[in-house]
Protein backbone atom coordinates (compact mmCIF):
# COMPACT_ATOMS: atom_id res chain seq x y z
CA MET A 1 -5.27 -21.03 43.95
CA ASP A 2 -1.79 -23.30 43.35
CA PHE A 3 1.17 -21.77 42.35
CA ASN A 4 1.14 -21.84 38.82
CA THR A 5 -1.70 -19.38 38.94
CA PHE A 6 0.21 -17.08 41.58
CA ALA A 7 3.57 -17.42 39.70
CA ALA A 8 1.45 -16.30 36.23
CA TYR A 9 0.03 -13.20 38.17
CA GLY A 10 3.49 -12.53 39.60
CA TYR A 11 5.23 -12.43 36.24
CA PHE A 12 2.24 -10.39 34.75
CA PHE A 13 2.74 -7.34 37.14
CA LEU A 14 6.53 -7.73 37.75
CA ILE A 15 6.31 -7.03 33.41
CA VAL A 16 4.01 -4.33 33.96
CA PHE A 17 5.70 -2.34 36.74
CA LEU A 18 9.02 -2.80 34.33
CA VAL A 19 7.53 -1.05 31.40
CA VAL A 20 5.95 1.40 33.53
CA GLY A 21 9.46 1.95 35.32
CA SER A 22 10.95 1.91 31.78
CA TYR A 23 8.63 4.31 30.16
CA SER A 24 9.10 6.92 33.21
CA TYR A 25 12.78 6.65 33.32
CA ILE A 26 13.15 7.27 29.36
CA TYR A 27 10.51 10.30 30.20
CA HIS A 28 12.57 11.59 33.01
CA LEU A 29 15.78 11.28 30.48
CA TYR A 30 14.03 13.75 27.64
CA LYS A 31 12.54 15.87 29.99
CA ASN A 32 15.90 16.39 31.80
CA ARG A 33 18.20 16.49 28.98
CA LYS A 34 20.23 19.44 30.12
CA ASP A 35 22.89 18.87 33.30
CA SER A 36 23.12 21.31 36.04
CA THR A 37 25.34 23.46 34.12
CA GLY A 38 22.81 24.15 31.26
CA VAL A 39 24.42 22.09 28.54
CA ASP A 40 22.77 19.57 26.39
CA TYR A 41 25.22 16.87 25.55
CA GLU A 42 23.12 15.12 23.27
CA HIS A 43 24.97 16.70 19.98
CA TYR A 44 27.80 14.88 21.20
CA SER A 45 26.39 11.46 20.58
CA ASP A 46 27.83 11.08 17.23
CA MET A 47 31.29 12.55 17.99
CA ALA A 48 33.13 8.96 17.49
CA LEU A 49 31.45 8.82 14.17
CA LYS A 50 32.36 12.57 12.57
CA ASP A 51 36.41 12.41 13.60
CA ASP A 52 37.84 13.51 10.40
CA ILE A 53 39.91 16.61 10.15
CA GLY A 54 37.32 17.77 7.80
CA ASP A 55 34.16 17.48 9.96
CA ALA A 56 32.71 20.34 11.34
CA PRO A 57 33.40 20.69 15.23
CA VAL A 58 30.69 19.51 17.51
CA LYS A 59 30.73 22.82 19.39
CA PRO A 60 32.10 25.90 17.23
CA MET A 61 34.11 27.88 19.65
CA SER A 62 35.66 31.72 18.54
CA ASP A 63 38.97 32.33 19.47
CA GLU A 64 37.54 35.68 21.61
CA LYS A 65 36.95 35.77 24.86
CA LYS A 66 33.27 36.26 26.49
CA LYS A 67 33.37 39.68 28.44
């Protein structure tokens, strides 16, 4: 087995490892979308685009305190 064949196998297995690792990380992110406090921050992602004074708030809040 010469060096070029060894390099080709190494490249192939590296790419397979990176693809599997990337997909497993993406799956982990979507599976655990909430942080430890139970808040899902994905709806905050376009807050920079919707920042006009007339836009609806990202998370509506009431003036009453929670009991």
